[in-house]
């Protein structure tokens, strides 16, 4: 085996071992029970009064349509 090929094989081996060691030390993530996070699909929410980015106040009755309403909360990247 040529010297350059041996160096490549050894480098790949050590890179693989380093990656494996890093993965072996990574803690497992705790599963989150999303059924306990806020209102669920189809569940009624309490009345609210909130202002939008333009200062207009919105209430639950003001956004309700004939088929109900869908609330979507999005967290901004600059909060």
C-alpha atoms as a PDB file:
ATOM      1  CA  UNK A   1       0.000   0.000   0.000  1.00  0.00           C
ATOM      2  CA  UNK A   2       1.388   3.375  -0.941  1.00  0.00           C
ATOM      3  CA  UNK A   3       2.178   5.889   1.759  1.00  0.00           C
ATOM      4  CA  UNK A   4      -0.386   8.458   0.534  1.00  0.00           C
ATOM      5  CA  UNK A   5      -3.159   5.849   0.416  1.00  0.00           C
ATOM      6  CA  UNK A   6      -2.275   4.712   3.940  1.00  0.00           C
ATOM      7  CA  UNK A   7      -2.458   8.338   5.166  1.00  0.00           C
ATOM      8  CA  UNK A   8      -5.887   8.760   3.560  1.00  0.00           C
ATOM      9  CA  UNK A   9      -7.183   5.516   5.086  1.00  0.00           C
ATOM     10  CA  UNK A  10      -5.875   6.422   8.543  1.00  0.00           C
ATOM     11  CA  UNK A  11      -7.293   9.948   8.297  1.00  0.00           C
ATOM     12  CA  UNK A  12     -10.706   8.566   7.331  1.00  0.00           C
ATOM     13  CA  UNK A  13     -10.543   6.072  10.201  1.00  0.00           C
ATOM     14  CA  UNK A  14      -9.719   8.740  12.791  1.00  0.00           C
ATOM     15  CA  UNK A  15     -12.367  11.106  11.433  1.00  0.00           C
ATOM     16  CA  UNK A  16     -14.920   8.316  11.743  1.00  0.00           C
ATOM     17  CA  UNK A  17     -13.815   7.526  15.288  1.00  0.00           C
ATOM     18  CA  UNK A  18     -14.010  11.194  16.266  1.00  0.00           C
ATOM     19  CA  UNK A  19     -17.503  11.478  14.814  1.00  0.00           C
ATOM     20  CA  UNK A  20     -18.606   8.300  16.557  1.00  0.00           C
ATOM     21  CA  UNK A  21     -17.193   9.508  19.890  1.00  0.00           C
ATOM     22  CA  UNK A  22     -19.050  12.811  19.515  1.00  0.00           C
ATOM     23  CA  UNK A  23     -22.328  11.048  18.718  1.00  0.00           C
ATOM     24  CA  UNK A  24     -21.856   8.665  21.615  1.00  0.00           C
ATOM     25  CA  UNK A  25     -21.579  11.629  24.011  1.00  0.00           C
ATOM     26  CA  UNK A  26     -24.625  13.482  22.644  1.00  0.00           C
ATOM     27  CA  UNK A  27     -27.428  13.312  25.228  1.00  0.00           C
ATOM     28  CA  UNK A  28     -30.758  11.923  24.116  1.00  0.00           C
ATOM     29  CA  UNK A  29     -33.569  14.414  23.735  1.00  0.00           C
ATOM     30  CA  UNK A  30     -36.546  14.281  26.023  1.00  0.00           C
ATOM     31  CA  UNK A  31     -39.807  13.788  24.154  1.00  0.00           C
ATOM     32  CA  UNK A  32     -42.312  16.608  24.621  1.00  0.00           C
ATOM     33  CA  UNK A  33     -45.973  15.743  25.128  1.00  0.00           C
ATOM     34  CA  UNK A  34     -47.542  18.299  22.774  1.00  0.00           C
ATOM     35  CA  UNK A  35     -51.020  17.474  24.078  1.00  0.00           C
ATOM     36  CA  UNK A  36     -50.108  19.494  27.172  1.00  0.00           C
ATOM     37  CA  UNK A  37     -48.918  22.590  25.288  1.00  0.00           C
ATOM     38  CA  UNK A  38     -51.640  25.205  24.911  1.00  0.00           C
ATOM     39  CA  UNK A  39     -55.003  24.762  23.230  1.00  0.00           C
ATOM     40  CA  UNK A  40     -55.481  21.676  21.112  1.00  0.00           C
ATOM     41  CA  UNK A  41     -57.114  21.329  17.700  1.00  0.00           C
ATOM     42  CA  UNK A  42     -60.869  21.809  18.037  1.00  0.00           C
ATOM     43  CA  UNK A  43     -60.664  23.087  21.608  1.00  0.00           C
ATOM     44  CA  UNK A  44     -62.352  26.396  22.450  1.00  0.00           C
ATOM     45  CA  UNK A  45     -60.020  29.164  23.548  1.00  0.00           C
ATOM     46  CA  UNK A  46     -60.916  31.775  26.168  1.00  0.00           C
ATOM     47  CA  UNK A  47     -61.955  35.255  25.066  1.00  0.00           C
ATOM     48  CA  UNK A  48     -59.016  37.543  24.426  1.00  0.00           C
ATOM     49  CA  UNK A  49     -58.169  41.088  23.423  1.00  0.00           C
ATOM     50  CA  UNK A  50     -54.807  41.573  21.685  1.00  0.00           C
ATOM     51  CA  UNK A  51     -53.192  44.321  19.643  1.00  0.00           C
ATOM     52  CA  UNK A  52     -51.524  43.667  16.316  1.00  0.00           C
ATOM     53  CA  UNK A  53     -48.345  45.332  15.039  1.00  0.00           C
ATOM     54  CA  UNK A  54     -50.373  48.362  13.908  1.00  0.00           C
ATOM     55  CA  UNK A  55     -52.061  48.890  17.278  1.00  0.00           C
ATOM     56  CA  UNK A  56     -55.474  47.562  16.184  1.00  0.00           C
ATOM     57  CA  UNK A  57     -57.213  45.556  18.908  1.00  0.00           C
ATOM     58  CA  UNK A  58     -58.548  42.137  17.962  1.00  0.00           C
ATOM     59  CA  UNK A  59     -60.903  40.021  20.055  1.00  0.00           C
ATOM     60  CA  UNK A  60     -62.099  36.467  19.586  1.00  0.00           C
ATOM     61  CA  UNK A  61     -65.562  37.563  18.389  1.00  0.00           C
ATOM     62  CA  UNK A  62     -63.972  40.031  15.915  1.00  0.00           C
ATOM     63  CA  UNK A  63     -62.059  37.259  14.101  1.00  0.00           C
ATOM     64  CA  UNK A  64     -64.770  34.577  14.188  1.00  0.00           C
ATOM     65  CA  UNK A  65     -66.235  33.662  10.839  1.00  0.00           C
ATOM     66  CA  UNK A  66     -69.176  31.398   9.955  1.00  0.00           C
ATOM     67  CA  UNK A  67     -66.920  28.335  10.251  1.00  0.00           C
ATOM     68  CA  UNK A  68     -64.944  29.524  13.263  1.00  0.00           C
ATOM     69  CA  UNK A  69     -61.418  30.858  13.363  1.00  0.00           C
ATOM     70  CA  UNK A  70     -57.884  29.581  13.214  1.00  0.00           C
ATOM     71  CA  UNK A  71     -55.258  31.114  15.448  1.00  0.00           C
ATOM     72  CA  UNK A  72     -51.622  30.793  14.430  1.00  0.00           C
ATOM     73  CA  UNK A  73     -48.880  32.009  16.739  1.00  0.00           C
ATOM     74  CA  UNK A  74     -45.498  32.640  15.149  1.00  0.00           C
ATOM     75  CA  UNK A  75     -42.419  33.563  17.115  1.00  0.00           C
ATOM     76  CA  UNK A  76     -40.387  36.235  15.405  1.00  0.00           C
ATOM     77  CA  UNK A  77     -36.648  35.767  15.022  1.00  0.00           C
ATOM     78  CA  UNK A  78     -35.987  39.215  16.507  1.00  0.00           C
ATOM     79  CA  UNK A  79     -37.913  38.818  19.797  1.00  0.00           C
END
